[in-house]
Amino acid sequence: MQIAPLNSMAEDAKDDFAVYSLPLFDGNSVLGWEGDAYWFRVEDKAIVAGRLTEKIPHNEFLCTAREYADFELRLEAKLVGEGKNAGVQFRSQRVAGSSEVSGYQADIGNAWNRPVWGALYDESRRNKMLAEPGADLGKKLVKPDQWNSMRVICKGPRVQIFVNGERTVDYTEMDDAIPQHGKIALQIHSGKPAEAWYRNIRIRPL
């Protein structure tokens, strides 16, 4: 059998993700997740992070109760409002005594005056971009204020991120001390009023 290329999101006969994956979000509740209910709610079959009526004082995260190691994660995300930054954490952990989460993040939105959709950031650990697409690719791929598909594949030290079917990051972790397991988390970044919407969140352990 011919296997669909990793840089394709085509839902065809070669793509068996729907068959072998499990939903992380049931569309009606945040069962299986933990976080501050003030900043996370369910609306229109989506998890909505943040608010359009007030500034967000610090980063907030909704985390899975379970941890995952090697996996393929797919979801759809969109940003609305003045604030334009969010992300999907993976292989991450809560930071004790803080609202922060430490680990990898598939970035969403803009930062440092450039698009960072599909970039790989190391949140509350090395605090830097580990890999990111060129600015032109980021602008071309993303549909502003609309749903965008995201895909994260982790297998051993290799991390790949895709936005709307196109690979934006192919990163190999060289530091053996970095854990290859952890929680999945949805972020809304501190700053101006904004909402990050997440839906159709599914995972396939590898």
N, C-alpha and C. Protein backbone atom coordinates (compact mmCIF):
# COMPACT_ATOMS: atom_id res chain seq x y z
N MET A 1 0.85 -1.21 0.00
CA MET A 1 0.00 0.00 0.00
C MET A 1 0.88 1.25 0.00
N GLN A 2 0.53 2.21 -0.81
CA GLN A 2 1.26 3.47 -0.85
C GLN A 2 0.80 4.35 0.31
N ILE A 3 1.74 4.91 1.04
CA ILE A 3 1.42 5.75 2.19
C ILE A 3 1.37 7.20 1.77
N ALA A 4 0.36 7.92 2.27
CA ALA A 4 0.23 9.35 1.94
C ALA A 4 1.45 10.10 2.45
N PRO A 5 1.99 11.03 1.68
CA PRO A 5 3.15 11.80 2.13
C PRO A 5 2.82 12.62 3.36
N LEU A 6 3.83 12.84 4.22
CA LEU A 6 3.59 13.56 5.46
C LEU A 6 3.18 15.00 5.22
N ASN A 7 3.50 15.57 4.08
CA ASN A 7 3.13 16.96 3.84
C ASN A 7 1.77 17.10 3.17
N SER A 8 0.96 16.04 3.27
CA SER A 8 -0.38 16.10 2.69
C SER A 8 -1.41 15.93 3.78
N MET A 9 -2.45 16.73 3.75
CA MET A 9 -3.56 16.60 4.68
C MET A 9 -4.77 15.97 4.01
N ALA A 10 -4.61 15.46 2.81
CA ALA A 10 -5.74 14.94 2.05
C ALA A 10 -6.40 13.79 2.80
N GLU A 11 -7.71 13.89 2.97
CA GLU A 11 -8.47 12.84 3.62
C GLU A 11 -8.95 11.88 2.55
N ASP A 12 -8.06 10.98 2.14
CA ASP A 12 -8.41 10.04 1.11
C ASP A 12 -8.19 8.63 1.62
N ALA A 13 -8.22 7.66 0.72
CA ALA A 13 -8.12 6.26 1.14
C ALA A 13 -6.78 5.95 1.78
N LYS A 14 -5.76 6.74 1.49
CA LYS A 14 -4.44 6.49 2.05
C LYS A 14 -4.30 7.06 3.45
N ASP A 15 -5.19 7.94 3.84
CA ASP A 15 -5.10 8.62 5.13
C ASP A 15 -6.05 7.95 6.12
N ASP A 16 -5.50 7.13 7.01
CA ASP A 16 -6.34 6.37 7.94
C ASP A 16 -6.39 7.02 9.32
N PHE A 17 -6.03 8.30 9.40
CA PHE A 17 -6.02 8.98 10.70
C PHE A 17 -7.40 8.93 11.37
N ALA A 18 -8.44 9.18 10.63
CA ALA A 18 -9.80 9.20 11.21
C ALA A 18 -10.16 7.85 11.81
N VAL A 19 -9.62 6.78 11.24
CA VAL A 19 -9.95 5.43 11.72
C VAL A 19 -9.23 5.12 13.02
N TYR A 20 -7.98 5.52 13.14
CA TYR A 20 -7.14 5.10 14.26
C TYR A 20 -6.93 6.19 15.32
N SER A 21 -7.51 7.36 15.14
CA SER A 21 -7.35 8.43 16.12
C SER A 21 -8.53 8.47 17.09
N LEU A 22 -8.32 9.19 18.19
CA LEU A 22 -9.34 9.35 19.23
C LEU A 22 -9.58 10.83 19.46
N PRO A 23 -10.84 11.21 19.78
CA PRO A 23 -11.10 12.62 20.07
C PRO A 23 -10.54 13.02 21.44
N LEU A 24 -9.89 14.17 21.50
CA LEU A 24 -9.48 14.74 22.79
C LEU A 24 -10.53 15.69 23.33
N PHE A 25 -11.48 16.08 22.49
CA PHE A 25 -12.53 17.02 22.86
C PHE A 25 -13.84 16.50 22.30
N ASP A 26 -14.84 16.37 23.19
CA ASP A 26 -16.12 15.78 22.77
C ASP A 26 -17.08 16.78 22.12
N GLY A 27 -16.69 18.04 22.04
CA GLY A 27 -17.52 19.06 21.42
C GLY A 27 -18.54 19.70 22.34
N ASN A 28 -18.64 19.17 23.57
CA ASN A 28 -19.67 19.67 24.49
C ASN A 28 -19.15 20.06 25.86
N SER A 29 -17.99 19.54 26.25
CA SER A 29 -17.46 19.81 27.58
C SER A 29 -15.94 19.73 27.54
N VAL A 30 -15.30 20.12 28.64
CA VAL A 30 -13.85 20.00 28.74
C VAL A 30 -13.48 18.80 29.60
N LEU A 31 -14.28 17.76 29.54
CA LEU A 31 -13.97 16.51 30.22
C LEU A 31 -12.63 15.99 29.73
N GLY A 32 -11.75 15.66 30.67
CA GLY A 32 -10.42 15.20 30.31
C GLY A 32 -9.39 16.31 30.23
N TRP A 33 -9.82 17.54 30.50
CA TRP A 33 -8.93 18.70 30.48
C TRP A 33 -8.99 19.41 31.84
N GLU A 34 -7.96 20.19 32.16
CA GLU A 34 -7.99 21.00 33.38
C GLU A 34 -7.39 22.37 33.11
N GLY A 35 -8.03 23.40 33.71
CA GLY A 35 -7.57 24.77 33.53
C GLY A 35 -8.55 25.72 34.18
N ASP A 36 -8.29 27.01 34.06
CA ASP A 36 -9.12 28.05 34.67
C ASP A 36 -10.40 28.25 33.85
N ALA A 37 -11.52 27.89 34.45
CA ALA A 37 -12.80 27.95 33.73
C ALA A 37 -13.19 29.38 33.36
N TYR A 38 -12.59 30.37 33.98
CA TYR A 38 -12.91 31.75 33.61
C TYR A 38 -12.39 32.07 32.21
N TRP A 39 -11.28 31.44 31.84
CA TRP A 39 -10.65 31.76 30.56
C TRP A 39 -10.91 30.73 29.47
N PHE A 40 -11.58 29.64 29.83
CA PHE A 40 -11.87 28.59 28.84
C PHE A 40 -13.33 28.18 28.93
N ARG A 41 -13.99 28.13 27.81
CA ARG A 41 -15.39 27.72 27.76
C ARG A 41 -15.64 26.94 26.47
N VAL A 42 -16.79 26.29 26.39
CA VAL A 42 -17.18 25.57 25.19
C VAL A 42 -18.31 26.33 24.51
N GLU A 43 -18.15 26.57 23.23
CA GLU A 43 -19.16 27.31 22.46
C GLU A 43 -19.13 26.82 21.02
N ASP A 44 -20.30 26.51 20.47
CA ASP A 44 -20.41 26.10 19.06
C ASP A 44 -19.45 24.95 18.72
N LYS A 45 -19.43 23.94 19.59
CA LYS A 45 -18.61 22.73 19.37
C LYS A 45 -17.11 23.03 19.34
N ALA A 46 -16.70 24.11 20.01
CA ALA A 46 -15.29 24.49 20.07
C ALA A 46 -14.91 24.88 21.49
N ILE A 47 -13.63 24.73 21.81
CA ILE A 47 -13.08 25.28 23.05
C ILE A 47 -12.63 26.70 22.75
N VAL A 48 -13.14 27.65 23.51
CA VAL A 48 -12.80 29.06 23.32
C VAL A 48 -11.93 29.51 24.48
N ALA A 49 -10.74 29.98 24.17
CA ALA A 49 -9.80 30.47 25.17
C ALA A 49 -9.72 31.98 25.10
N GLY A 50 -9.83 32.64 26.27
CA GLY A 50 -9.74 34.10 26.32
C GLY A 50 -11.08 34.78 26.26
N ARG A 51 -11.05 36.10 26.18
CA ARG A 51 -12.27 36.92 26.14
C ARG A 51 -12.03 38.15 25.27
N LEU A 52 -13.09 38.60 24.62
CA LEU A 52 -13.00 39.80 23.80
C LEU A 52 -13.29 41.07 24.57
N THR A 53 -13.67 40.93 25.85
CA THR A 53 -14.12 42.07 26.63
C THR A 53 -13.08 42.59 27.61
N GLU A 54 -11.93 41.89 27.74
CA GLU A 54 -10.93 42.36 28.69
C GLU A 54 -9.54 41.83 28.33
N LYS A 55 -8.54 42.54 28.81
CA LYS A 55 -7.16 42.10 28.59
C LYS A 55 -6.92 40.79 29.34
N ILE A 56 -5.98 40.02 28.83
CA ILE A 56 -5.62 38.75 29.45
C ILE A 56 -4.34 38.99 30.25
N PRO A 57 -4.41 38.89 31.59
CA PRO A 57 -3.28 39.32 32.42
C PRO A 57 -2.03 38.48 32.28
N HIS A 58 -2.19 37.19 32.05
CA HIS A 58 -1.02 36.33 31.85
C HIS A 58 -1.43 35.13 31.01
N ASN A 59 -0.46 34.43 30.49
CA ASN A 59 -0.75 33.27 29.66
C ASN A 59 -1.62 32.27 30.43
N GLU A 60 -2.60 31.71 29.72
CA GLU A 60 -3.46 30.69 30.32
C GLU A 60 -3.46 29.45 29.43
N PHE A 61 -3.56 28.28 30.09
CA PHE A 61 -3.49 27.01 29.38
C PHE A 61 -4.56 26.06 29.88
N LEU A 62 -5.15 25.33 28.96
CA LEU A 62 -6.06 24.23 29.28
C LEU A 62 -5.32 22.95 28.91
N CYS A 63 -5.06 22.11 29.91
CA CYS A 63 -4.19 20.94 29.73
C CYS A 63 -4.97 19.63 29.77
N THR A 64 -4.50 18.67 29.01
CA THR A 64 -5.06 17.33 29.12
C THR A 64 -4.64 16.71 30.44
N ALA A 65 -5.49 15.85 30.97
CA ALA A 65 -5.13 15.11 32.18
C ALA A 65 -4.08 14.05 31.86
N ARG A 66 -4.14 13.51 30.66
CA ARG A 66 -3.22 12.46 30.25
C ARG A 66 -1.96 13.03 29.61
N GLU A 67 -0.91 12.21 29.58
CA GLU A 67 0.31 12.56 28.89
C GLU A 67 0.47 11.69 27.64
N TYR A 68 1.19 12.22 26.68
CA TYR A 68 1.40 11.52 25.41
C TYR A 68 2.87 11.62 25.03
N ALA A 69 3.38 10.60 24.35
CA ALA A 69 4.78 10.57 23.94
C ALA A 69 4.88 10.74 22.43
N ASP A 70 4.80 9.63 21.69
CA ASP A 70 4.80 9.70 20.23
C ASP A 70 3.36 9.72 19.73
N PHE A 71 3.05 10.65 18.85
CA PHE A 71 1.65 10.82 18.45
C PHE A 71 1.55 11.67 17.18
N GLU A 72 0.37 11.63 16.60
CA GLU A 72 -0.04 12.59 15.58
C GLU A 72 -1.28 13.29 16.11
N LEU A 73 -1.23 14.61 16.15
CA LEU A 73 -2.33 15.44 16.66
C LEU A 73 -2.85 16.30 15.53
N ARG A 74 -4.17 16.35 15.38
CA ARG A 74 -4.79 17.24 14.39
C ARG A 74 -5.91 18.04 15.06
N LEU A 75 -6.05 19.28 14.61
CA LEU A 75 -7.10 20.15 15.12
C LEU A 75 -7.29 21.31 14.15
N GLU A 76 -8.31 22.10 14.42
CA GLU A 76 -8.51 23.36 13.71
C GLU A 76 -8.48 24.49 14.72
N ALA A 77 -7.94 25.65 14.30
CA ALA A 77 -7.82 26.78 15.21
C ALA A 77 -8.06 28.08 14.46
N LYS A 78 -8.55 29.07 15.19
CA LYS A 78 -8.65 30.42 14.63
C LYS A 78 -8.50 31.43 15.76
N LEU A 79 -8.07 32.64 15.40
CA LEU A 79 -7.89 33.74 16.34
C LEU A 79 -8.80 34.89 15.96
N VAL A 80 -9.44 35.48 16.96
CA VAL A 80 -10.26 36.68 16.73
C VAL A 80 -9.93 37.69 17.83
N GLY A 81 -10.14 38.97 17.54
CA GLY A 81 -9.89 40.01 18.53
C GLY A 81 -8.59 40.75 18.28
N GLU A 82 -8.24 41.63 19.21
CA GLU A 82 -7.05 42.46 19.07
C GLU A 82 -5.77 41.66 19.29
N GLY A 83 -5.77 40.82 20.32
CA GLY A 83 -4.60 39.99 20.59
C GLY A 83 -4.48 38.92 19.52
N LYS A 84 -3.28 38.66 19.08
CA LYS A 84 -3.10 37.74 17.95
C LYS A 84 -2.04 36.68 18.24
N ASN A 85 -2.12 36.09 19.43
CA ASN A 85 -1.13 35.06 19.75
C ASN A 85 -1.72 33.98 20.63
N ALA A 86 -1.49 32.73 20.24
CA ALA A 86 -1.93 31.58 21.02
C ALA A 86 -1.03 30.41 20.62
N GLY A 87 -1.42 29.20 20.97
CA GLY A 87 -0.60 28.06 20.58
C GLY A 87 -1.09 26.76 21.15
N VAL A 88 -0.51 25.69 20.66
CA VAL A 88 -0.83 24.34 21.12
C VAL A 88 0.43 23.74 21.73
N GLN A 89 0.38 23.51 23.02
CA GLN A 89 1.50 22.88 23.73
C GLN A 89 1.46 21.37 23.53
N PHE A 90 2.64 20.76 23.58
CA PHE A 90 2.72 19.29 23.57
C PHE A 90 4.02 18.88 24.24
N ARG A 91 4.04 17.63 24.75
CA ARG A 91 5.17 17.16 25.55
C ARG A 91 5.50 18.20 26.61
N SER A 92 4.47 18.70 27.28
CA SER A 92 4.60 19.82 28.21
C SER A 92 4.11 19.45 29.61
N GLN A 93 4.48 20.31 30.59
CA GLN A 93 4.08 20.10 31.98
C GLN A 93 3.70 21.44 32.61
N ARG A 94 2.77 21.40 33.57
CA ARG A 94 2.46 22.58 34.35
C ARG A 94 3.69 23.03 35.14
N VAL A 95 3.84 24.35 35.31
CA VAL A 95 4.89 24.91 36.16
C VAL A 95 4.27 25.18 37.52
N ALA A 96 4.79 24.55 38.55
CA ALA A 96 4.23 24.67 39.90
C ALA A 96 4.19 26.12 40.36
N GLY A 97 3.04 26.50 40.94
CA GLY A 97 2.89 27.85 41.47
C GLY A 97 2.72 28.93 40.44
N SER A 98 2.40 28.54 39.20
CA SER A 98 2.28 29.49 38.10
C SER A 98 1.16 29.06 37.17
N SER A 99 0.70 29.99 36.34
CA SER A 99 -0.26 29.63 35.30
C SER A 99 0.45 29.06 34.07
N GLU A 100 1.78 29.09 34.09
CA GLU A 100 2.56 28.71 32.92
C GLU A 100 2.64 27.20 32.71
N VAL A 101 2.98 26.85 31.48
CA VAL A 101 3.25 25.47 31.08
C VAL A 101 4.61 25.46 30.40
N SER A 102 5.40 24.44 30.66
CA SER A 102 6.74 24.35 30.12
C SER A 102 6.82 23.23 29.09
N GLY A 103 7.29 23.55 27.90
CA GLY A 103 7.44 22.54 26.87
C GLY A 103 7.32 23.12 25.48
N TYR A 104 7.18 22.22 24.51
CA TYR A 104 7.06 22.64 23.11
C TYR A 104 5.71 23.30 22.85
N GLN A 105 5.71 24.26 21.93
CA GLN A 105 4.46 24.89 21.49
C GLN A 105 4.46 25.05 19.97
N ALA A 106 3.38 24.58 19.35
CA ALA A 106 3.12 24.91 17.95
C ALA A 106 2.43 26.26 17.96
N ASP A 107 3.11 27.27 17.49
CA ASP A 107 2.64 28.64 17.64
C ASP A 107 1.50 28.97 16.69
N ILE A 108 0.67 29.92 17.14
CA ILE A 108 -0.48 30.41 16.37
C ILE A 108 -0.48 31.93 16.45
N GLY A 109 -0.58 32.60 15.33
CA GLY A 109 -0.76 34.05 15.34
C GLY A 109 0.49 34.81 14.93
N ASN A 110 0.73 35.92 15.64
CA ASN A 110 1.86 36.80 15.35
C ASN A 110 2.63 37.09 16.62
N ALA A 111 3.93 37.29 16.47
CA ALA A 111 4.80 37.68 17.58
C ALA A 111 6.02 38.38 16.99
N TRP A 112 6.56 39.34 17.75
CA TRP A 112 7.75 40.07 17.30
C TRP A 112 7.54 40.65 15.90
N ASN A 113 6.31 41.12 15.67
CA ASN A 113 5.96 41.79 14.41
C ASN A 113 6.11 40.90 13.18
N ARG A 114 5.88 39.61 13.37
CA ARG A 114 5.92 38.70 12.22
C ARG A 114 4.95 37.54 12.47
N PRO A 115 4.47 36.90 11.41
CA PRO A 115 3.61 35.74 11.59
C PRO A 115 4.40 34.56 12.13
N VAL A 116 3.82 33.84 13.09
CA VAL A 116 4.50 32.68 13.67
C VAL A 116 3.63 31.42 13.61
N TRP A 117 2.56 31.44 12.83
CA TRP A 117 1.75 30.24 12.65
C TRP A 117 2.66 29.09 12.22
N GLY A 118 2.56 27.97 12.93
CA GLY A 118 3.31 26.78 12.56
C GLY A 118 4.75 26.78 13.01
N ALA A 119 5.18 27.77 13.79
CA ALA A 119 6.53 27.79 14.33
C ALA A 119 6.60 26.90 15.58
N LEU A 120 7.80 26.50 15.96
CA LEU A 120 8.02 25.69 17.16
C LEU A 120 8.74 26.53 18.20
N TYR A 121 8.03 26.82 19.31
CA TYR A 121 8.57 27.64 20.39
C TYR A 121 8.78 26.77 21.62
N ASP A 122 9.79 27.09 22.41
CA ASP A 122 10.03 26.36 23.66
C ASP A 122 9.56 27.22 24.82
N GLU A 123 8.35 26.96 25.27
CA GLU A 123 7.65 27.77 26.26
C GLU A 123 8.18 27.52 27.68
N SER A 124 8.55 28.61 28.37
CA SER A 124 8.95 28.56 29.79
C SER A 124 10.04 27.52 30.06
N ARG A 125 10.92 27.33 29.08
CA ARG A 125 12.03 26.39 29.27
C ARG A 125 13.27 27.03 28.66
N ARG A 126 13.48 26.94 27.37
CA ARG A 126 14.57 27.68 26.73
C ARG A 126 14.10 29.05 26.25
N ASN A 127 12.77 29.24 26.21
CA ASN A 127 12.18 30.54 25.88
C ASN A 127 12.72 31.12 24.57
N LYS A 128 12.64 30.31 23.52
CA LYS A 128 13.10 30.78 22.21
C LYS A 128 12.43 29.95 21.12
N MET A 129 12.44 30.51 19.91
CA MET A 129 12.00 29.77 18.75
C MET A 129 13.03 28.70 18.43
N LEU A 130 12.56 27.47 18.27
CA LEU A 130 13.45 26.38 17.89
C LEU A 130 13.49 26.21 16.37
N ALA A 131 12.37 26.52 15.73
CA ALA A 131 12.29 26.44 14.26
C ALA A 131 11.05 27.19 13.83
N GLU A 132 11.09 27.81 12.66
CA GLU A 132 9.91 28.51 12.16
C GLU A 132 9.97 28.63 10.64
N PRO A 133 8.80 28.73 10.02
CA PRO A 133 8.77 28.91 8.57
C PRO A 133 9.15 30.33 8.20
N GLY A 134 9.46 30.53 6.95
CA GLY A 134 9.73 31.88 6.49
C GLY A 134 8.46 32.73 6.57
N ALA A 135 8.64 34.03 6.70
CA ALA A 135 7.50 34.93 6.84
C ALA A 135 6.55 34.84 5.65
N ASP A 136 7.09 34.67 4.46
CA ASP A 136 6.24 34.60 3.27
C ASP A 136 5.35 33.36 3.31
N LEU A 137 5.90 32.23 3.77
CA LEU A 137 5.11 31.02 3.87
C LEU A 137 4.00 31.19 4.90
N GLY A 138 4.33 31.79 6.05
CA GLY A 138 3.34 32.01 7.09
C GLY A 138 2.17 32.85 6.61
N LYS A 139 2.48 33.89 5.86
CA LYS A 139 1.42 34.76 5.33
C LYS A 139 0.58 34.03 4.29
N LYS A 140 1.22 33.23 3.48
CA LYS A 140 0.52 32.54 2.39
C LYS A 140 -0.42 31.46 2.92
N LEU A 141 0.01 30.76 3.96
CA LEU A 141 -0.74 29.59 4.43
C LEU A 141 -1.99 29.93 5.22
N VAL A 142 -1.96 30.98 5.99
CA VAL A 142 -2.98 31.22 7.01
C VAL A 142 -4.16 32.04 6.47
N LYS A 143 -5.35 31.61 6.90
CA LYS A 143 -6.58 32.34 6.57
C LYS A 143 -6.97 33.17 7.80
N PRO A 144 -6.74 34.47 7.79
CA PRO A 144 -7.01 35.31 8.96
C PRO A 144 -8.47 35.25 9.38
N ASP A 145 -8.67 35.15 10.70
CA ASP A 145 -10.01 35.14 11.30
C ASP A 145 -10.87 33.96 10.86
N GLN A 146 -10.26 32.96 10.23
CA GLN A 146 -10.98 31.77 9.80
C GLN A 146 -10.32 30.53 10.41
N TRP A 147 -10.98 29.40 10.24
CA TRP A 147 -10.43 28.15 10.74
C TRP A 147 -9.23 27.74 9.90
N ASN A 148 -8.18 27.31 10.59
CA ASN A 148 -6.97 26.79 9.95
C ASN A 148 -6.65 25.42 10.54
N SER A 149 -6.32 24.48 9.68
CA SER A 149 -5.99 23.14 10.17
C SER A 149 -4.54 23.09 10.63
N MET A 150 -4.32 22.38 11.74
CA MET A 150 -2.98 22.20 12.27
C MET A 150 -2.73 20.72 12.52
N ARG A 151 -1.49 20.33 12.36
CA ARG A 151 -1.10 18.94 12.54
C ARG A 151 0.28 18.91 13.18
N VAL A 152 0.43 18.11 14.23
CA VAL A 152 1.71 17.95 14.91
C VAL A 152 2.04 16.47 14.96
N ILE A 153 3.23 16.11 14.53
CA ILE A 153 3.69 14.72 14.59
C ILE A 153 4.95 14.67 15.43
N CYS A 154 4.93 13.87 16.49
CA CYS A 154 6.10 13.65 17.33
C CYS A 154 6.46 12.17 17.30
N LYS A 155 7.68 11.88 16.94
CA LYS A 155 8.16 10.50 16.95
C LYS A 155 9.62 10.52 17.36
N GLY A 156 9.88 10.05 18.59
CA GLY A 156 11.23 10.16 19.12
C GLY A 156 11.64 11.62 19.21
N PRO A 157 12.85 11.96 18.80
CA PRO A 157 13.29 13.36 18.90
C PRO A 157 12.79 14.25 17.76
N ARG A 158 12.08 13.67 16.78
CA ARG A 158 11.64 14.45 15.62
C ARG A 158 10.26 15.05 15.84
N VAL A 159 10.14 16.34 15.54
CA VAL A 159 8.88 17.07 15.66
C VAL A 159 8.58 17.73 14.32
N GLN A 160 7.39 17.47 13.79
CA GLN A 160 6.94 18.11 12.56
C GLN A 160 5.62 18.85 12.81
N ILE A 161 5.49 20.02 12.20
CA ILE A 161 4.27 20.82 12.32
C ILE A 161 3.80 21.17 10.91
N PHE A 162 2.49 21.11 10.72
CA PHE A 162 1.86 21.43 9.44
C PHE A 162 0.74 22.45 9.68
N VAL A 163 0.58 23.38 8.76
CA VAL A 163 -0.54 24.33 8.78
C VAL A 163 -1.23 24.26 7.43
N ASN A 164 -2.52 24.00 7.46
CA ASN A 164 -3.32 23.90 6.23
C ASN A 164 -2.65 23.01 5.18
N GLY A 165 -2.13 21.88 5.67
CA GLY A 165 -1.60 20.86 4.78
C GLY A 165 -0.15 21.01 4.38
N GLU A 166 0.50 22.10 4.78
CA GLU A 166 1.88 22.33 4.36
C GLU A 166 2.81 22.28 5.58
N ARG A 167 3.90 21.56 5.45
CA ARG A 167 4.83 21.44 6.57
C ARG A 167 5.56 22.76 6.80
N THR A 168 5.53 23.22 8.04
CA THR A 168 6.18 24.47 8.41
C THR A 168 7.45 24.25 9.22
N VAL A 169 7.53 23.10 9.92
CA VAL A 169 8.68 22.80 10.77
C VAL A 169 9.01 21.32 10.67
N ASP A 170 10.29 21.01 10.58
CA ASP A 170 10.80 19.64 10.68
C ASP A 170 12.04 19.74 11.57
N TYR A 171 11.86 19.45 12.85
CA TYR A 171 12.88 19.73 13.87
C TYR A 171 13.29 18.44 14.57
N THR A 172 14.57 18.27 14.77
CA THR A 172 15.08 17.14 15.54
C THR A 172 15.75 17.66 16.81
N GLU A 173 15.25 17.21 17.95
CA GLU A 173 15.77 17.63 19.25
C GLU A 173 17.12 16.95 19.50
N MET A 174 18.14 17.76 19.76
CA MET A 174 19.47 17.22 19.98
C MET A 174 19.83 17.09 21.47
N ASP A 175 18.99 17.67 22.33
CA ASP A 175 19.25 17.64 23.77
C ASP A 175 18.54 16.43 24.39
N ASP A 176 19.30 15.44 24.82
CA ASP A 176 18.72 14.22 25.38
C ASP A 176 17.99 14.47 26.70
N ALA A 177 18.22 15.61 27.33
CA ALA A 177 17.57 15.91 28.61
C ALA A 177 16.14 16.41 28.43
N ILE A 178 15.75 16.76 27.21
CA ILE A 178 14.39 17.26 26.95
C ILE A 178 13.43 16.07 26.91
N PRO A 179 12.38 16.06 27.75
CA PRO A 179 11.46 14.92 27.79
C PRO A 179 10.73 14.71 26.46
N GLN A 180 10.49 13.46 26.15
CA GLN A 180 9.76 13.11 24.93
C GLN A 180 8.35 12.64 25.27
N HIS A 181 7.78 13.23 26.30
CA HIS A 181 6.40 12.93 26.69
C HIS A 181 5.86 14.12 27.47
N GLY A 182 4.56 14.19 27.61
CA GLY A 182 3.95 15.27 28.39
C GLY A 182 2.51 15.51 27.97
N LYS A 183 1.96 16.59 28.47
CA LYS A 183 0.56 16.93 28.24
C LYS A 183 0.40 17.71 26.93
N ILE A 184 -0.82 17.66 26.42
CA ILE A 184 -1.25 18.56 25.35
C ILE A 184 -1.95 19.73 26.04
N ALA A 185 -1.76 20.95 25.56
CA ALA A 185 -2.42 22.10 26.17
C ALA A 185 -2.76 23.15 25.12
N LEU A 186 -3.85 23.86 25.36
CA LEU A 186 -4.30 24.95 24.48
C LEU A 186 -4.01 26.27 25.18
N GLN A 187 -3.41 27.20 24.47
CA GLN A 187 -3.00 28.47 25.08
C GLN A 187 -3.78 29.65 24.54
N ILE A 188 -3.98 30.64 25.43
CA ILE A 188 -4.29 32.00 25.01
C ILE A 188 -3.22 32.88 25.63
N HIS A 189 -2.59 33.71 24.80
CA HIS A 189 -1.46 34.51 25.26
C HIS A 189 -1.94 35.75 26.01
N SER A 190 -1.15 36.20 26.95
CA SER A 190 -1.46 37.44 27.66
C SER A 190 -1.44 38.61 26.70
N GLY A 191 -2.19 39.66 27.08
CA GLY A 191 -2.18 40.85 26.24
C GLY A 191 -3.57 41.37 25.95
N LYS A 192 -3.74 41.92 24.77
CA LYS A 192 -4.99 42.56 24.37
C LYS A 192 -6.13 41.53 24.32
N PRO A 193 -7.38 42.00 24.45
CA PRO A 193 -8.51 41.08 24.38
C PRO A 193 -8.47 40.22 23.11
N ALA A 194 -8.69 38.94 23.28
CA ALA A 194 -8.64 38.02 22.14
C ALA A 194 -9.30 36.71 22.52
N GLU A 195 -9.67 35.95 21.51
CA GLU A 195 -10.15 34.59 21.69
C GLU A 195 -9.42 33.68 20.72
N ALA A 196 -8.97 32.55 21.23
CA ALA A 196 -8.45 31.48 20.39
C ALA A 196 -9.47 30.35 20.42
N TRP A 197 -9.93 29.95 19.26
CA TRP A 197 -10.94 28.89 19.13
C TRP A 197 -10.25 27.62 18.64
N TYR A 198 -10.62 26.49 19.27
CA TYR A 198 -10.04 25.19 18.91
C TYR A 198 -11.17 24.17 18.76
N ARG A 199 -11.12 23.36 17.71
CA ARG A 199 -12.15 22.35 17.52
C ARG A 199 -11.57 21.13 16.77
N ASN A 200 -12.38 20.07 16.70
CA ASN A 200 -11.99 18.84 15.99
C ASN A 200 -10.60 18.38 16.41
N ILE A 201 -10.39 18.28 17.72
CA ILE A 201 -9.09 17.91 18.28
C ILE A 201 -9.02 16.40 18.42
N ARG A 202 -8.14 15.79 17.66
CA ARG A 202 -8.00 14.33 17.67
C ARG A 202 -6.52 13.95 17.74
N ILE A 203 -6.25 12.79 18.37
CA ILE A 203 -4.88 12.33 18.52
C ILE A 203 -4.77 10.86 18.17
N ARG A 204 -3.66 10.50 17.57
CA ARG A 204 -3.36 9.10 17.26
C ARG A 204 -2.01 8.75 17.85
N PRO A 205 -1.98 7.91 18.90
CA PRO A 205 -0.69 7.47 19.44
C PRO A 205 0.09 6.69 18.38
N LEU A 206 1.39 6.89 18.36
CA LEU A 206 2.24 6.22 17.38
C LEU A 206 3.16 5.20 18.08
